[in-house]
Amino acid sequence: DRDKQRESLAARFGKGCSGTALAIATQVVEAGLDISAEVVLTELCPMNAIVQRAGRSARFNNEQGQILVFNARAARPYDPELLQRTDRVLQD
């Protein structure tokens, strides 16, 4: 099933793809997938995870992208202090 999902994402978000697609995913797409999206929407998370998620936007040559970070409803599973520090950095 994992290989099937990976192939499906690559077909819609891989290098050279065109058209419109939407993927709703967990942090599993942070690393290990060579996909790119124009816009990445994410809840607030630790900075290292934000960087990984941002790496899924404008990944290929001549692409432009945007990452939008929303306040998390709850800190779980992350340390609340870590989220506060990340939020302060993003606000700056």
PDB file of N, CA and C in Angstrom:
ATOM      1  N   ASP A   1       0.820  -1.196   0.000  1.00  0.00           N
ATOM      2  CA  ASP A   1       0.000   0.000   0.000  1.00  0.00           C
ATOM      3  C   ASP A   1       0.864   1.259   0.000  1.00  0.00           C
ATOM      4  N   ARG A   2       1.959   1.229   0.748  1.00  0.00           N
ATOM      5  CA  ARG A   2       2.842   2.393   0.809  1.00  0.00           C
ATOM      6  C   ARG A   2       3.405   2.732  -0.572  1.00  0.00           C
ATOM      7  N   ASP A   3       3.841   1.721  -1.314  1.00  0.00           N
ATOM      8  CA  ASP A   3       4.387   1.960  -2.655  1.00  0.00           C
ATOM      9  C   ASP A   3       3.330   2.562  -3.573  1.00  0.00           C
ATOM     10  N   LYS A   4       2.103   2.088  -3.456  1.00  0.00           N
ATOM     11  CA  LYS A   4       1.002   2.600  -4.264  1.00  0.00           C
ATOM     12  C   LYS A   4       0.746   4.082  -3.958  1.00  0.00           C
ATOM     13  N   GLN A   5       0.751   4.421  -2.698  1.00  0.00           N
ATOM     14  CA  GLN A   5       0.541   5.808  -2.289  1.00  0.00           C
ATOM     15  C   GLN A   5       1.683   6.704  -2.773  1.00  0.00           C
ATOM     16  N   ARG A   6       2.883   6.204  -2.642  1.00  0.00           N
ATOM     17  CA  ARG A   6       4.071   6.949  -3.093  1.00  0.00           C
ATOM     18  C   ARG A   6       3.987   7.220  -4.601  1.00  0.00           C
ATOM     19  N   GLU A   7       3.604   6.209  -5.374  1.00  0.00           N
ATOM     20  CA  GLU A   7       3.471   6.361  -6.827  1.00  0.00           C
ATOM     21  C   GLU A   7       2.380   7.364  -7.177  1.00  0.00           C
ATOM     22  N   SER A   8       1.287   7.328  -6.433  1.00  0.00           N
ATOM     23  CA  SER A   8       0.179   8.249  -6.674  1.00  0.00           C
ATOM     24  C   SER A   8       0.606   9.696  -6.410  1.00  0.00           C
ATOM     25  N   LEU A   9       1.330   9.912  -5.323  1.00  0.00           N
ATOM     26  CA  LEU A   9       1.827  11.257  -5.025  1.00  0.00           C
ATOM     27  C   LEU A   9       2.819  11.725  -6.086  1.00  0.00           C
ATOM     28  N   ALA A  10       3.711  10.851  -6.501  1.00  0.00           N
ATOM     29  CA  ALA A  10       4.705  11.208  -7.518  1.00  0.00           C
ATOM     30  C   ALA A  10       4.025  11.556  -8.841  1.00  0.00           C
ATOM     31  N   ALA A  11       2.938  10.872  -9.177  1.00  0.00           N
ATOM     32  CA  ALA A  11       2.223  11.140 -10.418  1.00  0.00           C
ATOM     33  C   ALA A  11       1.567  12.523 -10.413  1.00  0.00           C
ATOM     34  N   ARG A  12       1.195  12.998  -9.229  1.00  0.00           N
ATOM     35  CA  ARG A  12       0.501  14.283  -9.129  1.00  0.00           C
ATOM     36  C   ARG A  12       1.400  15.442  -8.726  1.00  0.00           C
ATOM     37  N   PHE A  13       2.478  15.132  -7.985  1.00  0.00           N
ATOM     38  CA  PHE A  13       3.325  16.186  -7.438  1.00  0.00           C
ATOM     39  C   PHE A  13       4.803  16.028  -7.797  1.00  0.00           C
ATOM     40  N   GLY A  14       5.126  15.063  -8.619  1.00  0.00           N
ATOM     41  CA  GLY A  14       6.520  14.831  -8.996  1.00  0.00           C
ATOM     42  C   GLY A  14       7.012  15.823 -10.030  1.00  0.00           C
ATOM     43  N   LYS A  15       8.286  15.735 -10.333  1.00  0.00           N
ATOM     44  CA  LYS A  15       8.916  16.641 -11.303  1.00  0.00           C
ATOM     45  C   LYS A  15       8.206  16.539 -12.654  1.00  0.00           C
ATOM     46  N   GLY A  16       7.895  17.703 -13.225  1.00  0.00           N
ATOM     47  CA  GLY A  16       7.265  17.751 -14.536  1.00  0.00           C
ATOM     48  C   GLY A  16       5.755  17.620 -14.525  1.00  0.00           C
ATOM     49  N   CYS A  17       5.152  17.456 -13.375  1.00  0.00           N
ATOM     50  CA  CYS A  17       3.693  17.325 -13.309  1.00  0.00           C
ATOM     51  C   CYS A  17       3.043  18.686 -13.526  1.00  0.00           C
ATOM     52  N   SER A  18       1.862  18.654 -14.079  1.00  0.00           N
ATOM     53  CA  SER A  18       1.084  19.877 -14.219  1.00  0.00           C
ATOM     54  C   SER A  18      -0.346  19.560 -13.813  1.00  0.00           C
ATOM     55  N   GLY A  19      -1.133  20.583 -13.657  1.00  0.00           N
ATOM     56  CA  GLY A  19      -2.504  20.386 -13.231  1.00  0.00           C
ATOM     57  C   GLY A  19      -2.654  20.715 -11.760  1.00  0.00           C
ATOM     58  N   THR A  20      -3.846  20.509 -11.277  1.00  0.00           N
ATOM     59  CA  THR A  20      -4.174  20.838  -9.900  1.00  0.00           C
ATOM     60  C   THR A  20      -4.432  19.574  -9.107  1.00  0.00           C
ATOM     61  N   ALA A  21      -3.884  19.528  -7.917  1.00  0.00           N
ATOM     62  CA  ALA A  21      -4.091  18.373  -7.047  1.00  0.00           C
ATOM     63  C   ALA A  21      -4.036  18.836  -5.599  1.00  0.00           C
ATOM     64  N   LEU A  22      -4.628  18.060  -4.726  1.00  0.00           N
ATOM     65  CA  LEU A  22      -4.636  18.334  -3.293  1.00  0.00           C
ATOM     66  C   LEU A  22      -4.218  17.073  -2.574  1.00  0.00           C
ATOM     67  N   ALA A  23      -3.287  17.214  -1.653  1.00  0.00           N
ATOM     68  CA  ALA A  23      -2.878  16.077  -0.817  1.00  0.00           C
ATOM     69  C   ALA A  23      -3.007  16.492   0.632  1.00  0.00           C
ATOM     70  N   ILE A  24      -3.649  15.670   1.409  1.00  0.00           N
ATOM     71  CA  ILE A  24      -3.736  15.872   2.847  1.00  0.00           C
ATOM     72  C   ILE A  24      -2.930  14.746   3.454  1.00  0.00           C
ATOM     73  N   ALA A  25      -1.881  15.117   4.181  1.00  0.00           N
ATOM     74  CA  ALA A  25      -0.934  14.102   4.632  1.00  0.00           C
ATOM     75  C   ALA A  25      -0.450  14.370   6.048  1.00  0.00           C
ATOM     76  N   THR A  26       0.103  13.346   6.635  1.00  0.00           N
ATOM     77  CA  THR A  26       0.761  13.484   7.926  1.00  0.00           C
ATOM     78  C   THR A  26       2.214  13.871   7.672  1.00  0.00           C
ATOM     79  N   GLN A  27       2.989  13.926   8.727  1.00  0.00           N
ATOM     80  CA  GLN A  27       4.395  14.302   8.586  1.00  0.00           C
ATOM     81  C   GLN A  27       5.209  13.279   7.808  1.00  0.00           C
ATOM     82  N   VAL A  28       4.608  12.208   7.377  1.00  0.00           N
ATOM     83  CA  VAL A  28       5.324  11.214   6.577  1.00  0.00           C
ATOM     84  C   VAL A  28       5.862  11.825   5.284  1.00  0.00           C
ATOM     85  N   VAL A  29       5.242  12.905   4.801  1.00  0.00           N
ATOM     86  CA  VAL A  29       5.726  13.527   3.564  1.00  0.00           C
ATOM     87  C   VAL A  29       6.837  14.537   3.812  1.00  0.00           C
ATOM     88  N   GLU A  30       7.243  14.713   5.076  1.00  0.00           N
ATOM     89  CA  GLU A  30       8.312  15.660   5.368  1.00  0.00           C
ATOM     90  C   GLU A  30       9.627  15.263   4.719  1.00  0.00           C
ATOM     91  N   ALA A  31       9.895  14.000   4.637  1.00  0.00           N
ATOM     92  CA  ALA A  31      11.186  13.543   4.131  1.00  0.00           C
ATOM     93  C   ALA A  31      11.000  12.278   3.300  1.00  0.00           C
ATOM     94  N   GLY A  32      11.880  12.101   2.364  1.00  0.00           N
ATOM     95  CA  GLY A  32      11.901  10.855   1.611  1.00  0.00           C
ATOM     96  C   GLY A  32      11.059  10.818   0.362  1.00  0.00           C
ATOM     97  N   LEU A  33      10.283  11.863   0.098  1.00  0.00           N
ATOM     98  CA  LEU A  33       9.480  11.900  -1.117  1.00  0.00           C
ATOM     99  C   LEU A  33       9.933  13.083  -1.969  1.00  0.00           C
ATOM    100  N   ASP A  34      10.160  12.832  -3.233  1.00  0.00           N
ATOM    101  CA  ASP A  34      10.601  13.881  -4.151  1.00  0.00           C
ATOM    102  C   ASP A  34       9.379  14.488  -4.825  1.00  0.00           C
ATOM    103  N   ILE A  35       8.617  15.258  -4.036  1.00  0.00           N
ATOM    104  CA  ILE A  35       7.399  15.887  -4.537  1.00  0.00           C
ATOM    105  C   ILE A  35       7.459  17.380  -4.247  1.00  0.00           C
ATOM    106  N   SER A  36       6.641  18.148  -4.973  1.00  0.00           N
ATOM    107  CA  SER A  36       6.631  19.589  -4.818  1.00  0.00           C
ATOM    108  C   SER A  36       5.211  20.111  -4.996  1.00  0.00           C
ATOM    109  N   ALA A  37       4.855  21.105  -4.181  1.00  0.00           N
ATOM    110  CA  ALA A  37       3.539  21.734  -4.271  1.00  0.00           C
ATOM    111  C   ALA A  37       3.720  23.249  -4.297  1.00  0.00           C
ATOM    112  N   GLU A  38       2.789  23.940  -4.937  1.00  0.00           N
ATOM    113  CA  GLU A  38       2.836  25.401  -4.953  1.00  0.00           C
ATOM    114  C   GLU A  38       2.613  25.968  -3.559  1.00  0.00           C
ATOM    115  N   VAL A  39       1.705  25.352  -2.820  1.00  0.00           N
ATOM    116  CA  VAL A  39       1.348  25.839  -1.490  1.00  0.00           C
ATOM    117  C   VAL A  39       1.355  24.667  -0.515  1.00  0.00           C
ATOM    118  N   VAL A  40       1.976  24.887   0.639  1.00  0.00           N
ATOM    119  CA  VAL A  40       1.957  23.918   1.734  1.00  0.00           C
ATOM    120  C   VAL A  40       1.289  24.598   2.924  1.00  0.00           C
ATOM    121  N   LEU A  41       0.230  23.990   3.433  1.00  0.00           N
ATOM    122  CA  LEU A  41      -0.460  24.470   4.627  1.00  0.00           C
ATOM    123  C   LEU A  41      -0.097  23.534   5.760  1.00  0.00           C
ATOM    124  N   THR A  42       0.294  24.091   6.901  1.00  0.00           N
ATOM    125  CA  THR A  42       0.678  23.250   8.022  1.00  0.00           C
ATOM    126  C   THR A  42       0.342  23.921   9.341  1.00  0.00           C
ATOM    127  N   GLU A  43       0.081  23.100  10.341  1.00  0.00           N
ATOM    128  CA  GLU A  43      -0.040  23.624  11.696  1.00  0.00           C
ATOM    129  C   GLU A  43       1.352  23.922  12.231  1.00  0.00           C
ATOM    130  N   LEU A  44       1.412  24.790  13.220  1.00  0.00           N
ATOM    131  CA  LEU A  44       2.657  25.100  13.896  1.00  0.00           C
ATOM    132  C   LEU A  44       3.265  23.820  14.449  1.00  0.00           C
ATOM    133  N   CYS A  45       4.550  23.663  14.228  1.00  0.00           N
ATOM    134  CA  CYS A  45       5.299  22.496  14.687  1.00  0.00           C
ATOM    135  C   CYS A  45       6.731  22.951  14.927  1.00  0.00           C
ATOM    136  N   PRO A  46       7.582  22.106  15.465  1.00  0.00           N
ATOM    137  CA  PRO A  46       8.977  22.524  15.679  1.00  0.00           C
ATOM    138  C   PRO A  46       9.636  22.974  14.374  1.00  0.00           C
ATOM    139  N   MET A  47      10.592  23.878  14.490  1.00  0.00           N
ATOM    140  CA  MET A  47      11.222  24.490  13.323  1.00  0.00           C
ATOM    141  C   MET A  47      11.822  23.456  12.365  1.00  0.00           C
ATOM    142  N   ASN A  48      12.452  22.411  12.898  1.00  0.00           N
ATOM    143  CA  ASN A  48      13.042  21.415  11.995  1.00  0.00           C
ATOM    144  C   ASN A  48      11.963  20.766  11.123  1.00  0.00           C
ATOM    145  N   ALA A  49      10.770  20.569  11.655  1.00  0.00           N
ATOM    146  CA  ALA A  49       9.680  19.985  10.871  1.00  0.00           C
ATOM    147  C   ALA A  49       9.149  21.004   9.856  1.00  0.00           C
ATOM    148  N   ILE A  50       9.100  22.275  10.238  1.00  0.00           N
ATOM    149  CA  ILE A  50       8.666  23.316   9.291  1.00  0.00           C
ATOM    150  C   ILE A  50       9.616  23.352   8.094  1.00  0.00           C
ATOM    151  N   VAL A  51      10.903  23.281   8.362  1.00  0.00           N
ATOM    152  CA  VAL A  51      11.893  23.297   7.278  1.00  0.00           C
ATOM    153  C   VAL A  51      11.681  22.091   6.359  1.00  0.00           C
ATOM    154  N   GLN A  52      11.457  20.918   6.932  1.00  0.00           N
ATOM    155  CA  GLN A  52      11.208  19.720   6.117  1.00  0.00           C
ATOM    156  C   GLN A  52       9.949  19.895   5.271  1.00  0.00           C
ATOM    157  N   ARG A  53       8.896  20.404   5.876  1.00  0.00           N
ATOM    158  CA  ARG A  53       7.635  20.593   5.145  1.00  0.00           C
ATOM    159  C   ARG A  53       7.789  21.654   4.058  1.00  0.00           C
ATOM    160  N   ALA A  54       8.511  22.722   4.366  1.00  0.00           N
ATOM    161  CA  ALA A  54       8.747  23.770   3.366  1.00  0.00           C
ATOM    162  C   ALA A  54       9.524  23.218   2.180  1.00  0.00           C
ATOM    163  N   GLY A  55      10.307  22.192   2.416  1.00  0.00           N
ATOM    164  CA  GLY A  55      11.057  21.558   1.339  1.00  0.00           C
ATOM    165  C   GLY A  55      10.187  20.836   0.329  1.00  0.00           C
ATOM    166  N   ARG A  56       8.897  20.769   0.581  1.00  0.00           N
ATOM    167  CA  ARG A  56       7.960  20.168  -0.364  1.00  0.00           C
ATOM    168  C   ARG A  56       7.265  21.226  -1.214  1.00  0.00           C
ATOM    169  N   SER A  57       7.718  22.471  -1.117  1.00  0.00           N
ATOM    170  CA  SER A  57       7.158  23.558  -1.922  1.00  0.00           C
ATOM    171  C   SER A  57       8.273  24.143  -2.784  1.00  0.00           C
ATOM    172  N   ALA A  58       7.981  24.317  -4.065  1.00  0.00           N
ATOM    173  CA  ALA A  58       8.963  24.869  -5.012  1.00  0.00           C
ATOM    174  C   ALA A  58      10.267  24.091  -4.958  1.00  0.00           C
ATOM    175  N   ARG A  59      10.151  22.808  -4.994  1.00  0.00           N
ATOM    176  CA  ARG A  59      11.305  21.916  -4.882  1.00  0.00           C
ATOM    177  C   ARG A  59      12.121  21.843  -6.177  1.00  0.00           C
ATOM    178  N   PHE A  60      11.476  22.026  -7.304  1.00  0.00           N
ATOM    179  CA  PHE A  60      12.132  21.855  -8.590  1.00  0.00           C
ATOM    180  C   PHE A  60      12.452  23.211  -9.232  1.00  0.00           C
ATOM    181  N   ASN A  61      13.330  23.202 -10.218  1.00  0.00           N
ATOM    182  CA  ASN A  61      13.743  24.433 -10.903  1.00  0.00           C
ATOM    183  C   ASN A  61      12.542  25.202 -11.439  1.00  0.00           C
ATOM    184  N   ASN A  62      12.656  26.533 -11.373  1.00  0.00           N
ATOM    185  CA  ASN A  62      11.659  27.455 -11.922  1.00  0.00           C
ATOM    186  C   ASN A  62      10.285  27.345 -11.273  1.00  0.00           C
ATOM    187  N   GLU A  63      10.223  26.873 -10.060  1.00  0.00           N
ATOM    188  CA  GLU A  63       8.960  26.830  -9.324  1.00  0.00           C
ATOM    189  C   GLU A  63       8.976  27.909  -8.241  1.00  0.00           C
ATOM    190  N   GLN A  64       7.806  28.403  -7.933  1.00  0.00           N
ATOM    191  CA  GLN A  64       7.642  29.316  -6.812  1.00  0.00           C
ATOM    192  C   GLN A  64       6.664  28.672  -5.854  1.00  0.00           C
ATOM    193  N   GLY A  65       6.896  28.880  -4.574  1.00  0.00           N
ATOM    194  CA  GLY A  65       6.022  28.245  -3.604  1.00  0.00           C
ATOM    195  C   GLY A  65       5.783  29.110  -2.391  1.00  0.00           C
ATOM    196  N   GLN A  66       4.887  28.619  -1.579  1.00  0.00           N
ATOM    197  CA  GLN A  66       4.490  29.334  -0.383  1.00  0.00           C
ATOM    198  C   GLN A  66       4.176  28.322   0.710  1.00  0.00           C
ATOM    199  N   ILE A  67       4.573  28.630   1.941  1.00  0.00           N
ATOM    200  CA  ILE A  67       4.186  27.799   3.081  1.00  0.00           C
ATOM    201  C   ILE A  67       3.438  28.686   4.059  1.00  0.00           C
ATOM    202  N   LEU A  68       2.275  28.230   4.465  1.00  0.00           N
ATOM    203  CA  LEU A  68       1.445  28.958   5.419  1.00  0.00           C
ATOM    204  C   LEU A  68       1.360  28.133   6.692  1.00  0.00           C
ATOM    205  N   VAL A  69       1.704  28.758   7.812  1.00  0.00           N
ATOM    206  CA  VAL A  69       1.732  28.063   9.100  1.00  0.00           C
ATOM    207  C   VAL A  69       0.602  28.609   9.964  1.00  0.00           C
ATOM    208  N   PHE A  70      -0.252  27.717  10.426  1.00  0.00           N
ATOM    209  CA  PHE A  70      -1.389  28.080  11.252  1.00  0.00           C
ATOM    210  C   PHE A  70      -1.126  27.701  12.700  1.00  0.00           C
ATOM    211  N   ASN A  71      -1.755  28.423  13.618  1.00  0.00           N
ATOM    212  CA  ASN A  71      -1.633  28.073  15.025  1.00  0.00           C
ATOM    213  C   ASN A  71      -2.193  26.680  15.255  1.00  0.00           C
ATOM    214  N   ALA A  72      -1.523  25.935  16.089  1.00  0.00           N
ATOM    215  CA  ALA A  72      -1.970  24.588  16.426  1.00  0.00           C
ATOM    216  C   ALA A  72      -3.093  24.664  17.456  1.00  0.00           C
ATOM    217  N   ARG A  73      -4.072  23.785  17.325  1.00  0.00           N
ATOM    218  CA  ARG A  73      -5.144  23.730  18.319  1.00  0.00           C
ATOM    219  C   ARG A  73      -4.619  23.243  19.661  1.00  0.00           C
ATOM    220  N   ALA A  74      -3.692  22.320  19.592  1.00  0.00           N
ATOM    221  CA  ALA A  74      -3.088  21.764  20.807  1.00  0.00           C
ATOM    222  C   ALA A  74      -1.613  21.519  20.528  1.00  0.00           C
ATOM    223  N   ALA A  75      -0.819  21.550  21.561  1.00  0.00           N
ATOM    224  CA  ALA A  75       0.628  21.349  21.389  1.00  0.00           C
ATOM    225  C   ALA A  75       0.961  19.901  21.057  1.00  0.00           C
ATOM    226  N   ARG A  76       0.159  18.975  21.500  1.00  0.00           N
ATOM    227  CA  ARG A  76       0.477  17.563  21.290  1.00  0.00           C
ATOM    228  C   ARG A  76       0.722  17.259  19.823  1.00  0.00           C
ATOM    229  N   PRO A  77       1.652  16.496  19.464  1.00  0.00           N
ATOM    230  CA  PRO A  77       2.557  15.722  20.320  1.00  0.00           C
ATOM    231  C   PRO A  77       3.826  16.474  20.688  1.00  0.00           C
ATOM    232  N   TYR A  78       3.871  17.784  20.428  1.00  0.00           N
ATOM    233  CA  TYR A  78       5.099  18.549  20.615  1.00  0.00           C
ATOM    234  C   TYR A  78       5.148  19.225  21.983  1.00  0.00           C
ATOM    235  N   ASP A  79       6.347  19.598  22.384  1.00  0.00           N
ATOM    236  CA  ASP A  79       6.575  20.344  23.613  1.00  0.00           C
ATOM    237  C   ASP A  79       6.044  21.768  23.421  1.00  0.00           C
ATOM    238  N   PRO A  80       5.142  22.233  24.296  1.00  0.00           N
ATOM    239  CA  PRO A  80       4.565  23.576  24.125  1.00  0.00           C
ATOM    240  C   PRO A  80       5.620  24.683  24.069  1.00  0.00           C
ATOM    241  N   GLU A  81       6.680  24.575  24.862  1.00  0.00           N
ATOM    242  CA  GLU A  81       7.743  25.593  24.845  1.00  0.00           C
ATOM    243  C   GLU A  81       8.439  25.627  23.484  1.00  0.00           C
ATOM    244  N   LEU A  82       8.650  24.478  22.905  1.00  0.00           N
ATOM    245  CA  LEU A  82       9.276  24.406  21.585  1.00  0.00           C
ATOM    246  C   LEU A  82       8.395  25.083  20.535  1.00  0.00           C
ATOM    247  N   LEU A  83       7.089  24.876  20.633  1.00  0.00           N
ATOM    248  CA  LEU A  83       6.174  25.538  19.698  1.00  0.00           C
ATOM    249  C   LEU A  83       6.189  27.050  19.895  1.00  0.00           C
ATOM    250  N   GLN A  84       6.252  27.508  21.139  1.00  0.00           N
ATOM    251  CA  GLN A  84       6.308  28.952  21.400  1.00  0.00           C
ATOM    252  C   GLN A  84       7.571  29.564  20.808  1.00  0.00           C
ATOM    253  N   ARG A  85       8.695  28.871  20.962  1.00  0.00           N
ATOM    254  CA  ARG A  85       9.953  29.390  20.397  1.00  0.00           C
ATOM    255  C   ARG A  85       9.879  29.438  18.874  1.00  0.00           C
ATOM    256  N   THR A  86       9.338  28.397  18.267  1.00  0.00           N
ATOM    257  CA  THR A  86       9.198  28.373  16.812  1.00  0.00           C
ATOM    258  C   THR A  86       8.289  29.510  16.358  1.00  0.00           C
ATOM    259  N   ASP A  87       7.195  29.705  17.052  1.00  0.00           N
ATOM    260  CA  ASP A  87       6.242  30.775  16.701  1.00  0.00           C
ATOM    261  C   ASP A  87       6.926  32.135  16.775  1.00  0.00           C
ATOM    262  N   ARG A  88       7.730  32.376  17.804  1.00  0.00           N
ATOM    263  CA  ARG A  88       8.440  33.657  17.924  1.00  0.00           C
ATOM    264  C   ARG A  88       9.380  33.872  16.745  1.00  0.00           C
ATOM    265  N   VAL A  89      10.091  32.837  16.343  1.00  0.00           N
ATOM    266  CA  VAL A  89      11.014  32.946  15.208  1.00  0.00           C
ATOM    267  C   VAL A  89      10.222  33.259  13.930  1.00  0.00           C
ATOM    268  N   LEU A  90       9.124  32.589  13.735  1.00  0.00           N
ATOM    269  CA  LEU A  90       8.315  32.837  12.534  1.00  0.00           C
ATOM    270  C   LEU A  90       7.722  34.235  12.537  1.00  0.00           C
ATOM    271  N   GLN A  91       7.338  34.731  13.690  1.00  0.00           N
ATOM    272  CA  GLN A  91       6.777  36.084  13.782  1.00  0.00           C
ATOM    273  C   GLN A  91       7.815  37.134  13.418  1.00  0.00           C
ATOM    274  N   ASP A  92       9.081  36.875  13.775  1.00  0.00           N
ATOM    275  CA  ASP A  92      10.156  37.807  13.437  1.00  0.00           C
ATOM    276  C   ASP A  92      10.384  37.826  11.944  1.00  0.00           C
TER     277      ASP A  92
END
